[in-house]
C-alpha cells in the first residue's frame, strides 16, 4: 500500500468533480481514491505525494490545501 494523501478541495459542482476524477485517474500508480462532497475532501492512496496531487489539481484550476481533520 502506498501513501495516503488527504486534501481539502472545493467540490461545488458535478462538472468540477468530473474534472477532478479525470485528472486523478491520469496519475500513475493510484490504488484508490475517494471524493467526499460533504466534507470537500479528496483522499488518494498510491504512489503519489501531496505536492504532486496539489500540482495536478492546480493544473485544472482547483485550489487544494492540507486536510486538517
N, C-alpha and C. Protein backbone atom coordinates (compact mmCIF):
# COMPACT_ATOMS: atom_id res chain seq x y z
N UNK A 1 0.83 -1.18 0.00
CA UNK A 1 0.00 0.00 0.00
C UNK A 1 0.88 1.25 0.00
N UNK A 2 0.49 2.24 -0.78
CA UNK A 2 1.29 3.45 -0.91
C UNK A 2 0.91 4.51 0.09
N UNK A 3 1.24 5.72 -0.27
CA UNK A 3 0.92 6.88 0.57
C UNK A 3 -0.58 7.13 0.58
N UNK A 4 -1.05 7.74 1.65
CA UNK A 4 -2.43 8.22 1.72
C UNK A 4 -2.35 9.74 1.77
N UNK A 5 -2.91 10.38 0.75
CA UNK A 5 -2.90 11.84 0.66
C UNK A 5 -4.32 12.34 0.82
N UNK A 6 -4.52 13.24 1.78
CA UNK A 6 -5.84 13.82 2.03
C UNK A 6 -5.74 15.32 1.85
N UNK A 7 -6.61 15.88 0.99
CA UNK A 7 -6.60 17.30 0.70
C UNK A 7 -7.99 17.89 0.81
N UNK A 8 -8.05 19.16 1.16
CA UNK A 8 -9.30 19.91 1.15
C UNK A 8 -9.40 20.59 -0.22
N UNK A 9 -10.47 20.28 -0.95
CA UNK A 9 -10.70 20.82 -2.29
C UNK A 9 -12.17 21.19 -2.40
N UNK A 10 -12.45 22.33 -3.02
CA UNK A 10 -13.83 22.77 -3.19
C UNK A 10 -14.52 21.88 -4.23
N UNK A 11 -15.47 21.06 -3.77
CA UNK A 11 -16.21 20.14 -4.64
C UNK A 11 -17.63 20.67 -4.81
N UNK A 12 -17.75 21.80 -5.50
CA UNK A 12 -19.03 22.52 -5.51
C UNK A 12 -19.97 22.17 -6.65
N UNK A 13 -19.50 21.51 -7.69
CA UNK A 13 -20.42 21.18 -8.79
C UNK A 13 -20.02 19.86 -9.43
N UNK A 14 -20.97 19.23 -10.11
CA UNK A 14 -20.70 17.92 -10.71
C UNK A 14 -19.64 18.02 -11.81
N UNK A 15 -19.60 19.15 -12.52
CA UNK A 15 -18.59 19.33 -13.55
C UNK A 15 -17.19 19.37 -12.96
N UNK A 16 -17.06 20.05 -11.81
CA UNK A 16 -15.77 20.11 -11.12
C UNK A 16 -15.35 18.72 -10.66
N UNK A 17 -16.28 17.99 -10.13
CA UNK A 17 -15.99 16.64 -9.64
C UNK A 17 -15.52 15.76 -10.79
N UNK A 18 -16.17 15.85 -11.93
CA UNK A 18 -15.75 15.05 -13.09
C UNK A 18 -14.35 15.41 -13.53
N UNK A 19 -14.01 16.71 -13.54
CA UNK A 19 -12.67 17.15 -13.92
C UNK A 19 -11.63 16.63 -12.94
N UNK A 20 -11.96 16.66 -11.65
CA UNK A 20 -11.03 16.18 -10.63
C UNK A 20 -10.81 14.68 -10.78
N UNK A 21 -11.88 13.92 -10.97
CA UNK A 21 -11.75 12.47 -11.14
C UNK A 21 -10.91 12.14 -12.37
N UNK A 22 -11.16 12.84 -13.46
CA UNK A 22 -10.41 12.60 -14.69
C UNK A 22 -8.92 12.86 -14.47
N UNK A 23 -8.59 13.95 -13.77
CA UNK A 23 -7.20 14.30 -13.50
C UNK A 23 -6.54 13.27 -12.59
N UNK A 24 -7.26 12.83 -11.55
CA UNK A 24 -6.70 11.84 -10.62
C UNK A 24 -6.44 10.52 -11.33
N UNK A 25 -7.36 10.12 -12.20
CA UNK A 25 -7.20 8.83 -12.89
C UNK A 25 -5.99 8.82 -13.82
N UNK A 26 -5.52 9.98 -14.23
CA UNK A 26 -4.34 10.05 -15.11
C UNK A 26 -3.03 9.86 -14.36
N UNK A 27 -3.05 9.99 -13.03
CA UNK A 27 -1.84 9.81 -12.23
C UNK A 27 -1.51 8.33 -12.20
N UNK A 28 -0.24 8.02 -12.46
CA UNK A 28 0.17 6.61 -12.44
C UNK A 28 0.26 6.08 -11.02
N UNK A 29 0.04 4.79 -10.88
CA UNK A 29 0.20 4.06 -9.61
C UNK A 29 -0.77 4.50 -8.52
N UNK A 30 -1.98 4.90 -8.91
CA UNK A 30 -3.02 5.21 -7.93
C UNK A 30 -3.74 3.91 -7.59
N UNK A 31 -3.89 3.63 -6.29
CA UNK A 31 -4.57 2.42 -5.86
C UNK A 31 -6.06 2.69 -5.62
N UNK A 32 -6.36 3.71 -4.83
CA UNK A 32 -7.75 4.06 -4.55
C UNK A 32 -7.88 5.58 -4.49
N UNK A 33 -9.10 6.04 -4.66
CA UNK A 33 -9.38 7.47 -4.49
C UNK A 33 -10.82 7.62 -4.03
N UNK A 34 -11.07 8.71 -3.31
CA UNK A 34 -12.41 8.97 -2.80
C UNK A 34 -12.62 10.48 -2.73
N UNK A 35 -13.79 10.93 -3.16
CA UNK A 35 -14.18 12.33 -3.06
C UNK A 35 -15.37 12.41 -2.13
N UNK A 36 -15.23 13.15 -1.05
CA UNK A 36 -16.31 13.34 -0.09
C UNK A 36 -16.86 14.75 -0.27
N UNK A 37 -18.01 14.85 -0.92
CA UNK A 37 -18.58 16.16 -1.22
C UNK A 37 -19.13 16.86 0.02
N UNK A 38 -19.47 16.10 1.05
CA UNK A 38 -19.95 16.70 2.29
C UNK A 38 -18.83 17.47 3.01
N UNK A 39 -17.64 16.89 2.98
CA UNK A 39 -16.50 17.47 3.70
C UNK A 39 -15.57 18.26 2.78
N UNK A 40 -15.81 18.22 1.45
CA UNK A 40 -14.88 18.81 0.48
C UNK A 40 -13.48 18.22 0.65
N UNK A 41 -13.45 16.89 0.70
CA UNK A 41 -12.21 16.16 0.97
C UNK A 41 -11.91 15.19 -0.17
N UNK A 42 -10.66 15.21 -0.61
CA UNK A 42 -10.19 14.26 -1.62
C UNK A 42 -9.14 13.38 -0.95
N UNK A 43 -9.32 12.07 -1.03
CA UNK A 43 -8.37 11.12 -0.47
C UNK A 43 -7.86 10.23 -1.60
N UNK A 44 -6.53 10.16 -1.74
CA UNK A 44 -5.92 9.33 -2.78
C UNK A 44 -4.88 8.44 -2.12
N UNK A 45 -4.90 7.15 -2.46
CA UNK A 45 -3.92 6.20 -1.96
C UNK A 45 -3.12 5.67 -3.14
N UNK A 46 -1.82 5.60 -2.98
CA UNK A 46 -0.97 5.07 -4.04
C UNK A 46 0.40 5.71 -4.01
N UNK A 47 1.11 5.54 -5.09
CA UNK A 47 2.46 6.07 -5.21
C UNK A 47 2.36 7.52 -5.68
N UNK A 48 1.90 8.39 -4.78
CA UNK A 48 1.70 9.80 -5.10
C UNK A 48 2.04 10.63 -3.87
N UNK A 49 2.57 11.83 -4.11
CA UNK A 49 2.87 12.74 -3.00
C UNK A 49 1.80 13.81 -2.93
N UNK A 50 1.73 14.45 -1.78
CA UNK A 50 0.79 15.55 -1.59
C UNK A 50 1.08 16.66 -2.60
N UNK A 51 2.36 16.96 -2.81
CA UNK A 51 2.74 18.02 -3.74
C UNK A 51 2.32 17.69 -5.16
N UNK A 52 2.50 16.44 -5.57
CA UNK A 52 2.11 16.01 -6.92
C UNK A 52 0.61 16.15 -7.12
N UNK A 53 -0.17 15.74 -6.13
CA UNK A 53 -1.62 15.81 -6.23
C UNK A 53 -2.09 17.27 -6.28
N UNK A 54 -1.50 18.12 -5.45
CA UNK A 54 -1.85 19.55 -5.48
C UNK A 54 -1.54 20.14 -6.85
N UNK A 55 -0.39 19.79 -7.42
CA UNK A 55 0.01 20.30 -8.74
C UNK A 55 -0.98 19.86 -9.82
N UNK A 56 -1.40 18.61 -9.78
CA UNK A 56 -2.37 18.09 -10.76
C UNK A 56 -3.69 18.85 -10.65
N UNK A 57 -4.14 19.09 -9.43
CA UNK A 57 -5.40 19.80 -9.23
C UNK A 57 -5.28 21.28 -9.64
N UNK A 58 -4.13 21.89 -9.40
CA UNK A 58 -3.93 23.28 -9.80
C UNK A 58 -3.96 23.42 -11.33
N UNK A 59 -3.46 22.41 -12.03
CA UNK A 59 -3.47 22.45 -13.50
C UNK A 59 -4.88 22.53 -14.07
N UNK A 60 -5.87 22.00 -13.33
CA UNK A 60 -7.25 22.06 -13.82
C UNK A 60 -8.01 23.20 -13.13
N UNK A 61 -7.27 24.07 -12.43
CA UNK A 61 -7.88 25.26 -11.86
C UNK A 61 -8.49 25.08 -10.48
N UNK A 62 -8.16 24.00 -9.78
CA UNK A 62 -8.71 23.77 -8.44
C UNK A 62 -7.63 24.03 -7.39
N UNK A 63 -8.00 24.79 -6.39
CA UNK A 63 -7.09 25.03 -5.26
C UNK A 63 -7.24 23.89 -4.26
N UNK A 64 -6.12 23.43 -3.75
CA UNK A 64 -6.13 22.34 -2.77
C UNK A 64 -5.23 22.73 -1.60
N UNK A 65 -5.60 22.29 -0.42
CA UNK A 65 -4.79 22.55 0.77
C UNK A 65 -4.78 21.31 1.65
N UNK A 66 -3.89 21.32 2.62
CA UNK A 66 -3.79 20.20 3.55
C UNK A 66 -5.13 19.96 4.23
N UNK A 67 -5.46 18.69 4.40
CA UNK A 67 -6.67 18.34 5.13
C UNK A 67 -6.33 18.38 6.61
N UNK A 68 -7.11 19.14 7.34
CA UNK A 68 -6.91 19.21 8.79
C UNK A 68 -8.18 18.73 9.46
N UNK A 69 -8.29 17.41 9.60
CA UNK A 69 -9.50 16.83 10.15
C UNK A 69 -9.34 16.56 11.56
